[in-house]
Amino acid sequence: MCRAVLESGEDQNMAEGINDGIVFLMAVPYILVGTIGFIIYRKFSRPDKSENTEQNL
């Protein structure tokens, strides 16, 4: 799509849709990396149950 078409002002809905799509494509990688990082953090930060039972004996 040509930049001049988006700036012409005839169809602002199309320009807003293009801008929303750009923001969405820009945010998705950060959301995915953050989610995967959080899952890995939760997996390795949990205390191991077998270690806790041995210490109580």
N, C-alpha and C. Protein backbone atom coordinates (compact mmCIF):
# COMPACT_ATOMS: atom_id res chain seq x y z
N MET A 1 0.85 -1.16 0.00
CA MET A 1 0.00 0.00 0.00
C MET A 1 0.90 1.24 0.00
N CYS A 2 0.54 2.18 -0.81
CA CYS A 2 1.33 3.40 -0.97
C CYS A 2 1.10 4.35 0.21
N ARG A 3 2.15 4.99 0.63
CA ARG A 3 2.07 5.94 1.74
C ARG A 3 1.15 7.11 1.42
N ALA A 4 1.16 7.55 0.17
CA ALA A 4 0.33 8.68 -0.24
C ALA A 4 -1.15 8.35 -0.11
N VAL A 5 -1.52 7.10 -0.35
CA VAL A 5 -2.92 6.71 -0.23
C VAL A 5 -3.36 6.81 1.22
N LEU A 6 -2.51 6.39 2.15
CA LEU A 6 -2.87 6.45 3.56
C LEU A 6 -2.93 7.88 4.07
N GLU A 7 -2.09 8.75 3.53
CA GLU A 7 -2.06 10.14 3.99
C GLU A 7 -3.06 11.04 3.29
N SER A 8 -3.74 10.52 2.28
CA SER A 8 -4.65 11.37 1.51
C SER A 8 -5.86 11.81 2.32
N GLY A 9 -6.21 11.08 3.38
CA GLY A 9 -7.31 11.49 4.23
C GLY A 9 -8.66 11.00 3.77
N GLU A 10 -8.73 10.29 2.66
CA GLU A 10 -10.01 9.81 2.17
C GLU A 10 -10.58 8.70 3.03
N ASP A 11 -9.72 7.76 3.42
CA ASP A 11 -10.20 6.60 4.17
C ASP A 11 -9.38 6.47 5.46
N GLN A 12 -9.79 7.17 6.50
CA GLN A 12 -9.05 7.14 7.76
C GLN A 12 -9.18 5.80 8.46
N ASN A 13 -10.26 5.05 8.21
CA ASN A 13 -10.41 3.73 8.82
C ASN A 13 -9.30 2.79 8.36
N MET A 14 -8.92 2.89 7.10
CA MET A 14 -7.86 2.03 6.58
C MET A 14 -6.52 2.39 7.22
N ALA A 15 -6.27 3.69 7.38
CA ALA A 15 -5.01 4.13 7.98
C ALA A 15 -4.95 3.69 9.44
N GLU A 16 -6.06 3.80 10.17
CA GLU A 16 -6.09 3.36 11.57
C GLU A 16 -5.89 1.85 11.66
N GLY A 17 -6.46 1.12 10.72
CA GLY A 17 -6.28 -0.33 10.70
C GLY A 17 -4.83 -0.72 10.45
N ILE A 18 -4.18 -0.02 9.53
CA ILE A 18 -2.76 -0.29 9.25
C ILE A 18 -1.93 0.02 10.49
N ASN A 19 -2.20 1.13 11.17
CA ASN A 19 -1.45 1.49 12.38
C ASN A 19 -1.67 0.47 13.49
N ASP A 20 -2.91 0.00 13.66
CA ASP A 20 -3.19 -1.02 14.67
C ASP A 20 -2.45 -2.33 14.35
N GLY A 21 -2.40 -2.67 13.08
CA GLY A 21 -1.68 -3.88 12.67
C GLY A 21 -0.19 -3.78 12.95
N ILE A 22 0.38 -2.62 12.72
CA ILE A 22 1.80 -2.41 12.99
C ILE A 22 2.08 -2.54 14.48
N VAL A 23 1.24 -1.94 15.31
CA VAL A 23 1.42 -2.02 16.76
C VAL A 23 1.29 -3.46 17.23
N PHE A 24 0.32 -4.18 16.69
CA PHE A 24 0.12 -5.58 17.04
C PHE A 24 1.35 -6.41 16.68
N LEU A 25 1.85 -6.25 15.46
CA LEU A 25 3.03 -7.01 15.04
C LEU A 25 4.27 -6.64 15.84
N MET A 26 4.32 -5.42 16.33
CA MET A 26 5.46 -4.98 17.14
C MET A 26 5.37 -5.54 18.55
N ALA A 27 4.18 -5.71 19.09
CA ALA A 27 4.00 -6.15 20.47
C ALA A 27 4.06 -7.66 20.64
N VAL A 28 3.67 -8.42 19.65
CA VAL A 28 3.58 -9.88 19.78
C VAL A 28 4.91 -10.53 20.18
N PRO A 29 6.05 -10.20 19.59
CA PRO A 29 7.29 -10.85 20.02
C PRO A 29 7.63 -10.59 21.49
N TYR A 30 7.38 -9.38 21.97
CA TYR A 30 7.65 -9.07 23.38
C TYR A 30 6.73 -9.86 24.30
N ILE A 31 5.48 -10.00 23.92
CA ILE A 31 4.54 -10.77 24.73
C ILE A 31 4.95 -12.24 24.77
N LEU A 32 5.34 -12.80 23.63
CA LEU A 32 5.76 -14.20 23.58
C LEU A 32 7.02 -14.44 24.41
N VAL A 33 8.02 -13.58 24.26
CA VAL A 33 9.27 -13.75 25.01
C VAL A 33 9.01 -13.58 26.50
N GLY A 34 8.18 -12.62 26.87
CA GLY A 34 7.85 -12.41 28.28
C GLY A 34 7.12 -13.60 28.87
N THR A 35 6.19 -14.17 28.13
CA THR A 35 5.44 -15.33 28.61
C THR A 35 6.34 -16.54 28.78
N ILE A 36 7.19 -16.80 27.79
CA ILE A 36 8.11 -17.94 27.88
C ILE A 36 9.09 -17.73 29.02
N GLY A 37 9.60 -16.52 29.18
CA GLY A 37 10.51 -16.22 30.29
C GLY A 37 9.85 -16.42 31.64
N PHE A 38 8.58 -16.01 31.76
CA PHE A 38 7.86 -16.19 33.01
C PHE A 38 7.64 -17.66 33.33
N ILE A 39 7.31 -18.45 32.32
CA ILE A 39 7.12 -19.89 32.52
C ILE A 39 8.43 -20.55 32.97
N ILE A 40 9.53 -20.18 32.34
CA ILE A 40 10.83 -20.75 32.72
C ILE A 40 11.19 -20.31 34.13
N TYR A 41 10.94 -19.06 34.47
CA TYR A 41 11.22 -18.57 35.82
C TYR A 41 10.42 -19.34 36.85
N ARG A 42 9.14 -19.53 36.59
CA ARG A 42 8.29 -20.27 37.55
C ARG A 42 8.76 -21.71 37.69
N LYS A 43 9.21 -22.31 36.60
CA LYS A 43 9.63 -23.71 36.64
C LYS A 43 10.88 -23.87 37.51
N PHE A 44 11.83 -22.97 37.39
CA PHE A 44 13.08 -23.10 38.11
C PHE A 44 13.07 -22.46 39.49
N SER A 45 12.06 -21.65 39.80
CA SER A 45 12.04 -21.00 41.10
C SER A 45 11.24 -21.79 42.14
N ARG A 46 10.55 -22.83 41.72
CA ARG A 46 9.79 -23.65 42.67
C ARG A 46 10.73 -24.49 43.50
N PRO A 47 10.50 -24.56 44.80
CA PRO A 47 11.33 -25.44 45.62
C PRO A 47 10.98 -26.90 45.34
N ASP A 48 12.00 -27.72 45.33
CA ASP A 48 11.80 -29.13 45.07
C ASP A 48 11.22 -29.80 46.31
N LYS A 49 10.16 -30.55 46.17
CA LYS A 49 9.50 -31.16 47.32
C LYS A 49 10.37 -32.22 47.99
N SER A 50 11.19 -32.92 47.23
CA SER A 50 12.02 -33.97 47.82
C SER A 50 13.08 -33.37 48.74
N GLU A 51 13.58 -32.17 48.43
CA GLU A 51 14.57 -31.51 49.28
C GLU A 51 13.94 -31.08 50.60
N ASN A 52 12.72 -30.63 50.59
CA ASN A 52 12.04 -30.18 51.81
C ASN A 52 11.76 -31.35 52.75
N THR A 53 11.42 -32.51 52.24
CA THR A 53 11.12 -33.65 53.10
C THR A 53 12.37 -34.21 53.74
N GLU A 54 13.50 -34.15 53.06
CA GLU A 54 14.76 -34.65 53.61
C GLU A 54 15.25 -33.75 54.74
N GLN A 55 15.02 -32.45 54.63
CA GLN A 55 15.46 -31.51 55.65
C GLN A 55 14.64 -31.65 56.93
N ASN A 56 13.40 -32.06 56.81
CA ASN A 56 12.52 -32.19 57.98
C ASN A 56 12.81 -33.46 58.79
N LEU A 57 13.54 -34.42 58.22
CA LEU A 57 13.83 -35.66 58.93
C LEU A 57 14.89 -35.48 59.91
